[in-house]
């Protein structure tokens, strides 16, 4: 099962306050980037954020699951949290701050 464009568009809209958030189709699903940094995936209409120490503290009670078969666990963000754009943007900012910049090709 793949993610719907409506789901991706909604999540992107909610995250726009965090920076330049974009989605790129990857392996039939979507990778999310903020200011060029890969930080999340949308798989099967579910949101998965890369785990960081700051993200763990920000979220509190963290639910972890792999976004797809063979992947390491990410933070699974339930759909009821997507409506809170301020909270979601805060999580994106905290997460991206701890992730490395992409390597130059």
PDB file of N, CA and C in Angstrom:
ATOM      1  N   UNK A   1       0.854  -1.183   0.000  1.00  0.00           N
ATOM      2  CA  UNK A   1       0.000   0.000   0.000  1.00  0.00           C
ATOM      3  C   UNK A   1       0.890   1.234   0.000  1.00  0.00           C
ATOM      4  N   UNK A   2       0.507   2.221  -0.743  1.00  0.00           N
ATOM      5  CA  UNK A   2       1.303   3.451  -0.789  1.00  0.00           C
ATOM      6  C   UNK A   2       0.517   4.608  -0.179  1.00  0.00           C
ATOM      7  N   UNK A   3       1.225   5.686   0.055  1.00  0.00           N
ATOM      8  CA  UNK A   3       0.611   6.862   0.675  1.00  0.00           C
ATOM      9  C   UNK A   3      -0.131   7.685  -0.362  1.00  0.00           C
ATOM     10  N   UNK A   4      -1.219   8.297   0.082  1.00  0.00           N
ATOM     11  CA  UNK A   4      -1.996   9.145  -0.823  1.00  0.00           C
ATOM     12  C   UNK A   4      -1.353  10.525  -0.925  1.00  0.00           C
ATOM     13  N   UNK A   5      -1.511  11.135  -2.058  1.00  0.00           N
ATOM     14  CA  UNK A   5      -0.992  12.494  -2.281  1.00  0.00           C
ATOM     15  C   UNK A   5      -1.642  13.470  -1.297  1.00  0.00           C
ATOM     16  N   UNK A   6      -2.909  13.245  -0.967  1.00  0.00           N
ATOM     17  CA  UNK A   6      -3.600  14.116  -0.001  1.00  0.00           C
ATOM     18  C   UNK A   6      -2.917  14.081   1.363  1.00  0.00           C
ATOM     19  N   UNK A   7      -2.512  12.900   1.813  1.00  0.00           N
ATOM     20  CA  UNK A   7      -1.818  12.771   3.102  1.00  0.00           C
ATOM     21  C   UNK A   7      -0.506  13.532   3.065  1.00  0.00           C
ATOM     22  N   UNK A   8       0.263  13.321   2.013  1.00  0.00           N
ATOM     23  CA  UNK A   8       1.562  13.989   1.871  1.00  0.00           C
ATOM     24  C   UNK A   8       1.381  15.506   1.839  1.00  0.00           C
ATOM     25  N   UNK A   9       0.437  15.976   1.050  1.00  0.00           N
ATOM     26  CA  UNK A   9       0.186  17.421   0.953  1.00  0.00           C
ATOM     27  C   UNK A   9      -0.215  18.019   2.290  1.00  0.00           C
ATOM     28  N   UNK A  10      -1.061  17.317   3.038  1.00  0.00           N
ATOM     29  CA  UNK A  10      -1.509  17.821   4.337  1.00  0.00           C
ATOM     30  C   UNK A  10      -0.336  17.925   5.312  1.00  0.00           C
ATOM     31  N   UNK A  11       0.477  16.876   5.396  1.00  0.00           N
ATOM     32  CA  UNK A  11       1.615  16.895   6.311  1.00  0.00           C
ATOM     33  C   UNK A  11       2.598  17.998   5.920  1.00  0.00           C
ATOM     34  N   UNK A  12       2.873  18.138   4.637  1.00  0.00           N
ATOM     35  CA  UNK A  12       3.766  19.211   4.183  1.00  0.00           C
ATOM     36  C   UNK A  12       3.231  20.587   4.567  1.00  0.00           C
ATOM     37  N   UNK A  13       1.945  20.782   4.376  1.00  0.00           N
ATOM     38  CA  UNK A  13       1.326  22.067   4.725  1.00  0.00           C
ATOM     39  C   UNK A  13       1.483  22.348   6.222  1.00  0.00           C
ATOM     40  N   UNK A  14       1.278  21.339   7.045  1.00  0.00           N
ATOM     41  CA  UNK A  14       1.383  21.501   8.492  1.00  0.00           C
ATOM     42  C   UNK A  14       2.816  21.824   8.923  1.00  0.00           C
ATOM     43  N   UNK A  15       3.805  21.365   8.167  1.00  0.00           N
ATOM     44  CA  UNK A  15       5.213  21.527   8.545  1.00  0.00           C
ATOM     45  C   UNK A  15       5.875  22.769   7.962  1.00  0.00           C
ATOM     46  N   UNK A  16       5.193  23.540   7.153  1.00  0.00           N
ATOM     47  CA  UNK A  16       5.824  24.658   6.447  1.00  0.00           C
ATOM     48  C   UNK A  16       6.448  25.694   7.376  1.00  0.00           C
ATOM     49  N   UNK A  17       5.964  25.816   8.581  1.00  0.00           N
ATOM     50  CA  UNK A  17       6.543  26.774   9.526  1.00  0.00           C
ATOM     51  C   UNK A  17       7.905  26.370  10.049  1.00  0.00           C
ATOM     52  N   UNK A  18       8.350  25.148   9.745  1.00  0.00           N
ATOM     53  CA  UNK A  18       9.639  24.654  10.238  1.00  0.00           C
ATOM     54  C   UNK A  18      10.789  25.012   9.313  1.00  0.00           C
ATOM     55  N   UNK A  19      10.495  25.424   8.098  1.00  0.00           N
ATOM     56  CA  UNK A  19      11.525  25.717   7.111  1.00  0.00           C
ATOM     57  C   UNK A  19      11.049  25.295   5.737  1.00  0.00           C
ATOM     58  N   UNK A  20      11.978  25.101   4.822  1.00  0.00           N
ATOM     59  CA  UNK A  20      11.631  24.664   3.470  1.00  0.00           C
ATOM     60  C   UNK A  20      11.448  23.144   3.470  1.00  0.00           C
ATOM     61  N   UNK A  21      10.231  22.693   3.743  1.00  0.00           N
ATOM     62  CA  UNK A  21       9.931  21.260   3.837  1.00  0.00           C
ATOM     63  C   UNK A  21       9.386  20.779   2.493  1.00  0.00           C
ATOM     64  N   UNK A  22      10.024  19.742   1.968  1.00  0.00           N
ATOM     65  CA  UNK A  22       9.638  19.178   0.679  1.00  0.00           C
ATOM     66  C   UNK A  22       9.537  17.667   0.783  1.00  0.00           C
ATOM     67  N   UNK A  23       8.827  17.075  -0.170  1.00  0.00           N
ATOM     68  CA  UNK A  23       8.700  15.616  -0.243  1.00  0.00           C
ATOM     69  C   UNK A  23       9.274  15.144  -1.566  1.00  0.00           C
ATOM     70  N   UNK A  24       9.920  13.992  -1.520  1.00  0.00           N
ATOM     71  CA  UNK A  24      10.465  13.383  -2.723  1.00  0.00           C
ATOM     72  C   UNK A  24      10.029  11.915  -2.736  1.00  0.00           C
ATOM     73  N   UNK A  25       9.502  11.484  -3.883  1.00  0.00           N
ATOM     74  CA  UNK A  25       9.106  10.092  -4.011  1.00  0.00           C
ATOM     75  C   UNK A  25      10.341   9.213  -3.908  1.00  0.00           C
ATOM     76  N   UNK A  26      10.271   8.225  -3.020  1.00  0.00           N
ATOM     77  CA  UNK A  26      11.384   7.308  -2.799  1.00  0.00           C
ATOM     78  C   UNK A  26      10.830   5.906  -2.566  1.00  0.00           C
ATOM     79  N   UNK A  27      11.232   4.970  -3.389  1.00  0.00           N
ATOM     80  CA  UNK A  27      10.847   3.566  -3.205  1.00  0.00           C
ATOM     81  C   UNK A  27       9.332   3.378  -3.126  1.00  0.00           C
ATOM     82  N   UNK A  28       8.598   4.173  -3.881  1.00  0.00           N
ATOM     83  CA  UNK A  28       7.146   4.063  -3.892  1.00  0.00           C
ATOM     84  C   UNK A  28       6.454   4.805  -2.773  1.00  0.00           C
ATOM     85  N   UNK A  29       7.215   5.385  -1.862  1.00  0.00           N
ATOM     86  CA  UNK A  29       6.671   6.187  -0.774  1.00  0.00           C
ATOM     87  C   UNK A  29       7.314   7.569  -0.841  1.00  0.00           C
ATOM     88  N   UNK A  30       7.410   8.267   0.288  1.00  0.00           N
ATOM     89  CA  UNK A  30       7.919   9.639   0.267  1.00  0.00           C
ATOM     90  C   UNK A  30       8.958   9.864   1.359  1.00  0.00           C
ATOM     91  N   UNK A  31      10.047  10.540   0.975  1.00  0.00           N
ATOM     92  CA  UNK A  31      11.018  11.028   1.928  1.00  0.00           C
ATOM     93  C   UNK A  31      10.768  12.510   2.130  1.00  0.00           C
ATOM     94  N   UNK A  32      10.906  12.987   3.369  1.00  0.00           N
ATOM     95  CA  UNK A  32      10.708  14.406   3.673  1.00  0.00           C
ATOM     96  C   UNK A  32      12.046  15.052   3.984  1.00  0.00           C
ATOM     97  N   UNK A  33      12.220  16.270   3.476  1.00  0.00           N
ATOM     98  CA  UNK A  33      13.447  17.027   3.643  1.00  0.00           C
ATOM     99  C   UNK A  33      13.105  18.412   4.178  1.00  0.00           C
ATOM    100  N   UNK A  34      13.921  18.898   5.095  1.00  0.00           N
ATOM    101  CA  UNK A  34      13.779  20.267   5.596  1.00  0.00           C
ATOM    102  C   UNK A  34      15.095  20.979   5.345  1.00  0.00           C
ATOM    103  N   UNK A  35      15.043  22.002   4.516  1.00  0.00           N
ATOM    104  CA  UNK A  35      16.244  22.744   4.143  1.00  0.00           C
ATOM    105  C   UNK A  35      17.322  21.792   3.623  1.00  0.00           C
ATOM    106  N   UNK A  36      16.896  20.783   2.871  1.00  0.00           N
ATOM    107  CA  UNK A  36      17.806  19.836   2.253  1.00  0.00           C
ATOM    108  C   UNK A  36      18.203  18.650   3.106  1.00  0.00           C
ATOM    109  N   UNK A  37      17.767  18.595   4.358  1.00  0.00           N
ATOM    110  CA  UNK A  37      18.137  17.509   5.270  1.00  0.00           C
ATOM    111  C   UNK A  37      16.999  16.489   5.330  1.00  0.00           C
ATOM    112  N   UNK A  38      17.324  15.234   5.025  1.00  0.00           N
ATOM    113  CA  UNK A  38      16.353  14.146   5.108  1.00  0.00           C
ATOM    114  C   UNK A  38      16.042  13.878   6.578  1.00  0.00           C
ATOM    115  N   UNK A  39      14.747  13.988   6.959  1.00  0.00           N
ATOM    116  CA  UNK A  39      14.392  13.838   8.368  1.00  0.00           C
ATOM    117  C   UNK A  39      13.197  12.926   8.623  1.00  0.00           C
ATOM    118  N   UNK A  40      12.468  12.519   7.587  1.00  0.00           N
ATOM    119  CA  UNK A  40      11.260  11.734   7.838  1.00  0.00           C
ATOM    120  C   UNK A  40      10.840  10.972   6.592  1.00  0.00           C
ATOM    121  N   UNK A  41       9.920  10.027   6.810  1.00  0.00           N
ATOM    122  CA  UNK A  41       9.303   9.290   5.717  1.00  0.00           C
ATOM    123  C   UNK A  41       7.798   9.231   5.946  1.00  0.00           C
ATOM    124  N   UNK A  42       7.078   9.215   4.844  1.00  0.00           N
ATOM    125  CA  UNK A  42       5.646   8.933   4.888  1.00  0.00           C
ATOM    126  C   UNK A  42       5.475   7.614   4.150  1.00  0.00           C
ATOM    127  N   UNK A  43       5.041   6.601   4.883  1.00  0.00           N
ATOM    128  CA  UNK A  43       4.856   5.265   4.325  1.00  0.00           C
ATOM    129  C   UNK A  43       3.486   4.746   4.753  1.00  0.00           C
ATOM    130  N   UNK A  44       2.739   4.224   3.797  1.00  0.00           N
ATOM    131  CA  UNK A  44       1.397   3.697   4.077  1.00  0.00           C
ATOM    132  C   UNK A  44       0.541   4.696   4.840  1.00  0.00           C
ATOM    133  N   UNK A  45       0.600   5.955   4.424  1.00  0.00           N
ATOM    134  CA  UNK A  45      -0.158   7.043   5.043  1.00  0.00           C
ATOM    135  C   UNK A  45       0.157   7.210   6.535  1.00  0.00           C
ATOM    136  N   UNK A  46       1.391   6.887   6.930  1.00  0.00           N
ATOM    137  CA  UNK A  46       1.858   7.076   8.302  1.00  0.00           C
ATOM    138  C   UNK A  46       3.120   7.921   8.267  1.00  0.00           C
ATOM    139  N   UNK A  47       3.322   8.721   9.310  1.00  0.00           N
ATOM    140  CA  UNK A  47       4.472   9.608   9.410  1.00  0.00           C
ATOM    141  C   UNK A  47       5.512   9.016  10.351  1.00  0.00           C
ATOM    142  N   UNK A  48       6.743   8.956   9.859  1.00  0.00           N
ATOM    143  CA  UNK A  48       7.869   8.434  10.629  1.00  0.00           C
ATOM    144  C   UNK A  48       8.989   9.470  10.616  1.00  0.00           C
ATOM    145  N   UNK A  49       9.437   9.884  11.812  1.00  0.00           N
ATOM    146  CA  UNK A  49      10.478  10.890  11.958  1.00  0.00           C
ATOM    147  C   UNK A  49      11.763  10.198  12.423  1.00  0.00           C
ATOM    148  N   UNK A  50      12.899  10.598  11.838  1.00  0.00           N
ATOM    149  CA  UNK A  50      14.182  10.025  12.251  1.00  0.00           C
ATOM    150  C   UNK A  50      14.379  10.255  13.753  1.00  0.00           C
ATOM    151  N   UNK A  51      14.867   9.251  14.452  1.00  0.00           N
ATOM    152  CA  UNK A  51      15.052   9.406  15.898  1.00  0.00           C
ATOM    153  C   UNK A  51      16.280  10.257  16.243  1.00  0.00           C
ATOM    154  N   UNK A  52      16.082  11.177  17.168  1.00  0.00           N
ATOM    155  CA  UNK A  52      17.160  11.991  17.732  1.00  0.00           C
ATOM    156  C   UNK A  52      16.891  12.127  19.225  1.00  0.00           C
ATOM    157  N   UNK A  53      17.913  12.486  19.984  1.00  0.00           N
ATOM    158  CA  UNK A  53      17.720  12.683  21.424  1.00  0.00           C
ATOM    159  C   UNK A  53      16.738  13.816  21.693  1.00  0.00           C
ATOM    160  N   UNK A  54      16.895  14.922  20.962  1.00  0.00           N
ATOM    161  CA  UNK A  54      15.994  16.054  21.141  1.00  0.00           C
ATOM    162  C   UNK A  54      14.557  15.712  20.792  1.00  0.00           C
ATOM    163  N   UNK A  55      14.375  14.934  19.723  1.00  0.00           N
ATOM    164  CA  UNK A  55      13.037  14.503  19.334  1.00  0.00           C
ATOM    165  C   UNK A  55      12.398  13.627  20.394  1.00  0.00           C
ATOM    166  N   UNK A  56      13.199  12.738  20.979  1.00  0.00           N
ATOM    167  CA  UNK A  56      12.689  11.851  22.034  1.00  0.00           C
ATOM    168  C   UNK A  56      12.204  12.663  23.229  1.00  0.00           C
ATOM    169  N   UNK A  57      12.978  13.665  23.615  1.00  0.00           N
ATOM    170  CA  UNK A  57      12.588  14.532  24.736  1.00  0.00           C
ATOM    171  C   UNK A  57      11.343  15.336  24.367  1.00  0.00           C
ATOM    172  N   UNK A  58      11.306  15.872  23.156  1.00  0.00           N
ATOM    173  CA  UNK A  58      10.193  16.702  22.699  1.00  0.00           C
ATOM    174  C   UNK A  58       8.881  15.907  22.682  1.00  0.00           C
ATOM    175  N   UNK A  59       8.941  14.687  22.161  1.00  0.00           N
ATOM    176  CA  UNK A  59       7.727  13.868  22.034  1.00  0.00           C
ATOM    177  C   UNK A  59       7.275  13.340  23.383  1.00  0.00           C
ATOM    178  N   UNK A  60       8.212  12.912  24.209  1.00  0.00           N
ATOM    179  CA  UNK A  60       7.844  12.315  25.490  1.00  0.00           C
ATOM    180  C   UNK A  60       7.676  10.816  25.334  1.00  0.00           C
ATOM    181  N   UNK A  61       6.457  10.342  25.385  1.00  0.00           N
ATOM    182  CA  UNK A  61       6.168   8.915  25.255  1.00  0.00           C
ATOM    183  C   UNK A  61       6.241   8.550  23.772  1.00  0.00           C
ATOM    184  N   UNK A  62       7.372   7.998  23.354  1.00  0.00           N
ATOM    185  CA  UNK A  62       7.659   7.763  21.943  1.00  0.00           C
ATOM    186  C   UNK A  62       7.213   6.379  21.503  1.00  0.00           C
ATOM    187  N   UNK A  63       6.541   6.326  20.367  1.00  0.00           N
ATOM    188  CA  UNK A  63       6.189   5.070  19.708  1.00  0.00           C
ATOM    189  C   UNK A  63       7.177   4.894  18.563  1.00  0.00           C
ATOM    190  N   UNK A  64       7.913   3.789  18.554  1.00  0.00           N
ATOM    191  CA  UNK A  64       8.900   3.564  17.506  1.00  0.00           C
ATOM    192  C   UNK A  64       8.502   2.361  16.658  1.00  0.00           C
ATOM    193  N   UNK A  65       8.745   2.496  15.349  1.00  0.00           N
ATOM    194  CA  UNK A  65       8.445   1.417  14.405  1.00  0.00           C
ATOM    195  C   UNK A  65       9.242   1.679  13.126  1.00  0.00           C
ATOM    196  N   UNK A  66       9.605   0.618  12.414  1.00  0.00           N
ATOM    197  CA  UNK A  66      10.269   0.839  11.124  1.00  0.00           C
ATOM    198  C   UNK A  66       9.264   1.308  10.085  1.00  0.00           C
ATOM    199  N   UNK A  67       9.632   2.297   9.257  1.00  0.00           N
ATOM    200  CA  UNK A  67       8.698   2.790   8.242  1.00  0.00           C
ATOM    201  C   UNK A  67       8.424   1.764   7.136  1.00  0.00           C
ATOM    202  N   UNK A  68       9.363   0.860   6.930  1.00  0.00           N
ATOM    203  CA  UNK A  68       9.188  -0.184   5.912  1.00  0.00           C
ATOM    204  C   UNK A  68      10.070  -1.361   6.278  1.00  0.00           C
ATOM    205  N   UNK A  69       9.852  -2.468   5.646  1.00  0.00           N
ATOM    206  CA  UNK A  69      10.588  -3.693   5.927  1.00  0.00           C
ATOM    207  C   UNK A  69      12.092  -3.469   5.769  1.00  0.00           C
ATOM    208  N   UNK A  70      12.847  -3.895   6.767  1.00  0.00           N
ATOM    209  CA  UNK A  70      14.297  -3.781   6.724  1.00  0.00           C
ATOM    210  C   UNK A  70      14.845  -2.465   7.234  1.00  0.00           C
ATOM    211  N   UNK A  71      13.972  -1.526   7.568  1.00  0.00           N
ATOM    212  CA  UNK A  71      14.421  -0.213   8.052  1.00  0.00           C
ATOM    213  C   UNK A  71      14.636  -0.239   9.560  1.00  0.00           C
ATOM    214  N   UNK A  72      15.492   0.669  10.036  1.00  0.00           N
ATOM    215  CA  UNK A  72      15.661   0.864  11.472  1.00  0.00           C
ATOM    216  C   UNK A  72      14.414   1.579  11.994  1.00  0.00           C
ATOM    217  N   UNK A  73      14.124   1.438  13.289  1.00  0.00           N
ATOM    218  CA  UNK A  73      12.951   2.129  13.842  1.00  0.00           C
ATOM    219  C   UNK A  73      13.082   3.647  13.774  1.00  0.00           C
ATOM    220  N   UNK A  74      11.989   4.272  13.427  1.00  0.00           N
ATOM    221  CA  UNK A  74      11.829   5.728  13.446  1.00  0.00           C
ATOM    222  C   UNK A  74      10.777   6.034  14.508  1.00  0.00           C
ATOM    223  N   UNK A  75      10.606   7.316  14.830  1.00  0.00           N
ATOM    224  CA  UNK A  75       9.494   7.723  15.697  1.00  0.00           C
ATOM    225  C   UNK A  75       8.226   7.713  14.843  1.00  0.00           C
ATOM    226  N   UNK A  76       7.238   6.951  15.256  1.00  0.00           N
ATOM    227  CA  UNK A  76       5.952   6.915  14.549  1.00  0.00           C
ATOM    228  C   UNK A  76       5.067   8.002  15.156  1.00  0.00           C
ATOM    229  N   UNK A  77       4.637   8.936  14.328  1.00  0.00           N
ATOM    230  CA  UNK A  77       3.811  10.061  14.794  1.00  0.00           C
ATOM    231  C   UNK A  77       2.375   9.795  14.385  1.00  0.00           C
ATOM    232  N   UNK A  78       1.528   9.580  15.362  1.00  0.00           N
ATOM    233  CA  UNK A  78       0.132   9.226  15.080  1.00  0.00           C
ATOM    234  C   UNK A  78      -0.610  10.378  14.409  1.00  0.00           C
ATOM    235  N   UNK A  79      -1.598  10.028  13.620  1.00  0.00           N
ATOM    236  CA  UNK A  79      -2.374  10.996  12.851  1.00  0.00           C
ATOM    237  C   UNK A  79      -3.037  12.071  13.688  1.00  0.00           C
ATOM    238  N   UNK A  80      -3.357  11.780  14.946  1.00  0.00           N
ATOM    239  CA  UNK A  80      -4.013  12.796  15.773  1.00  0.00           C
ATOM    240  C   UNK A  80      -3.057  13.939  16.129  1.00  0.00           C
ATOM    241  N   UNK A  81      -1.730  13.756  15.957  1.00  0.00           N
ATOM    242  CA  UNK A  81      -0.761  14.821  16.225  1.00  0.00           C
ATOM    243  C   UNK A  81      -0.562  15.726  15.008  1.00  0.00           C
ATOM    244  N   UNK A  82      -0.983  15.288  13.835  1.00  0.00           N
ATOM    245  CA  UNK A  82      -0.752  16.048  12.600  1.00  0.00           C
ATOM    246  C   UNK A  82      -1.507  17.364  12.565  1.00  0.00           C
ATOM    247  N   UNK A  83      -2.630  17.455  13.264  1.00  0.00           N
ATOM    248  CA  UNK A  83      -3.438  18.678  13.234  1.00  0.00           C
ATOM    249  C   UNK A  83      -2.791  19.834  13.990  1.00  0.00           C
ATOM    250  N   UNK A  84      -1.855  19.533  14.876  1.00  0.00           N
ATOM    251  CA  UNK A  84      -1.188  20.569  15.665  1.00  0.00           C
ATOM    252  C   UNK A  84       0.085  21.006  14.930  1.00  0.00           C
ATOM    253  N   UNK A  85      -0.063  21.974  14.033  1.00  0.00           N
ATOM    254  CA  UNK A  85       1.049  22.425  13.197  1.00  0.00           C
ATOM    255  C   UNK A  85       2.200  22.974  14.036  1.00  0.00           C
ATOM    256  N   UNK A  86       1.897  23.691  15.105  1.00  0.00           N
ATOM    257  CA  UNK A  86       2.965  24.249  15.948  1.00  0.00           C
ATOM    258  C   UNK A  86       3.799  23.137  16.577  1.00  0.00           C
ATOM    259  N   UNK A  87       3.130  22.115  17.085  1.00  0.00           N
ATOM    260  CA  UNK A  87       3.831  20.983  17.695  1.00  0.00           C
ATOM    261  C   UNK A  87       4.675  20.251  16.641  1.00  0.00           C
ATOM    262  N   UNK A  88       4.078  20.006  15.489  1.00  0.00           N
ATOM    263  CA  UNK A  88       4.766  19.291  14.421  1.00  0.00           C
ATOM    264  C   UNK A  88       5.989  20.080  13.929  1.00  0.00           C
ATOM    265  N   UNK A  89       5.841  21.385  13.759  1.00  0.00           N
ATOM    266  CA  UNK A  89       6.974  22.219  13.335  1.00  0.00           C
ATOM    267  C   UNK A  89       8.076  22.217  14.385  1.00  0.00           C
ATOM    268  N   UNK A  90       7.695  22.243  15.641  1.00  0.00           N
ATOM    269  CA  UNK A  90       8.683  22.171  16.720  1.00  0.00           C
ATOM    270  C   UNK A  90       9.471  20.876  16.657  1.00  0.00           C
ATOM    271  N   UNK A  91       8.783  19.770  16.416  1.00  0.00           N
ATOM    272  CA  UNK A  91       9.447  18.474  16.305  1.00  0.00           C
ATOM    273  C   UNK A  91      10.402  18.453  15.115  1.00  0.00           C
ATOM    274  N   UNK A  92       9.983  19.001  13.997  1.00  0.00           N
ATOM    275  CA  UNK A  92      10.845  19.047  12.810  1.00  0.00           C
ATOM    276  C   UNK A  92      12.099  19.868  13.111  1.00  0.00           C
ATOM    277  N   UNK A  93      11.941  21.039  13.714  1.00  0.00           N
ATOM    278  CA  UNK A  93      13.094  21.900  14.014  1.00  0.00           C
ATOM    279  C   UNK A  93      14.074  21.214  14.965  1.00  0.00           C
ATOM    280  N   UNK A  94      13.551  20.586  16.023  1.00  0.00           N
ATOM    281  CA  UNK A  94      14.407  19.888  16.992  1.00  0.00           C
ATOM    282  C   UNK A  94      15.138  18.731  16.318  1.00  0.00           C
ATOM    283  N   UNK A  95      14.450  18.007  15.477  1.00  0.00           N
ATOM    284  CA  UNK A  95      15.044  16.851  14.799  1.00  0.00           C
ATOM    285  C   UNK A  95      16.128  17.278  13.822  1.00  0.00           C
ATOM    286  N   UNK A  96      15.806  18.217  12.949  1.00  0.00           N
ATOM    287  CA  UNK A  96      16.739  18.642  11.902  1.00  0.00           C
ATOM    288  C   UNK A  96      18.005  19.256  12.513  1.00  0.00           C
ATOM    289  N   UNK A  97      17.854  19.929  13.637  1.00  0.00           N
ATOM    290  CA  UNK A  97      18.997  20.552  14.308  1.00  0.00           C
ATOM    291  C   UNK A  97      20.072  19.514  14.665  1.00  0.00           C
ATOM    292  N   UNK A  98      19.658  18.279  14.942  1.00  0.00           N
ATOM    293  CA  UNK A  98      20.596  17.231  15.358  1.00  0.00           C
ATOM    294  C   UNK A  98      21.089  16.346  14.213  1.00  0.00           C
ATOM    295  N   UNK A  99      20.532  16.505  13.037  1.00  0.00           N
ATOM    296  CA  UNK A  99      20.922  15.650  11.922  1.00  0.00           C
ATOM    297  C   UNK A  99      22.051  16.296  11.118  1.00  0.00           C
ATOM    298  N   UNK A 100      22.914  15.461  10.518  1.00  0.00           N
ATOM    299  CA  UNK A 100      24.028  16.024   9.742  1.00  0.00           C
ATOM    300  C   UNK A 100      23.533  16.634   8.439  1.00  0.00           C
ATOM    301  N   UNK A 101      24.287  17.603   7.950  1.00  0.00           N
ATOM    302  CA  UNK A 101      24.001  18.194   6.645  1.00  0.00           C
ATOM    303  C   UNK A 101      24.262  17.142   5.580  1.00  0.00           C
ATOM    304  N   UNK A 102      23.534  17.218   4.461  1.00  0.00           N
ATOM    305  CA  UNK A 102      23.784  16.245   3.390  1.00  0.00           C
ATOM    306  C   UNK A 102      25.193  16.419   2.822  1.00  0.00           C
ATOM    307  N   UNK A 103      25.776  15.290   2.415  1.00  0.00           N
ATOM    308  CA  UNK A 103      27.120  15.320   1.835  1.00  0.00           C
ATOM    309  C   UNK A 103      27.030  15.871   0.405  1.00  0.00           C
ATOM    310  N   UNK A 104      28.013  16.678   0.057  1.00  0.00           N
ATOM    311  CA  UNK A 104      28.097  17.219  -1.302  1.00  0.00           C
ATOM    312  C   UNK A 104      28.433  16.096  -2.265  1.00  0.00           C
ATOM    313  N   UNK A 105      27.788  16.113  -3.425  1.00  0.00           N
ATOM    314  CA  UNK A 105      28.058  15.084  -4.443  1.00  0.00           C
ATOM    315  C   UNK A 105      29.145  15.549  -5.376  1.00  0.00           C
TER     316      UNK A 105
END
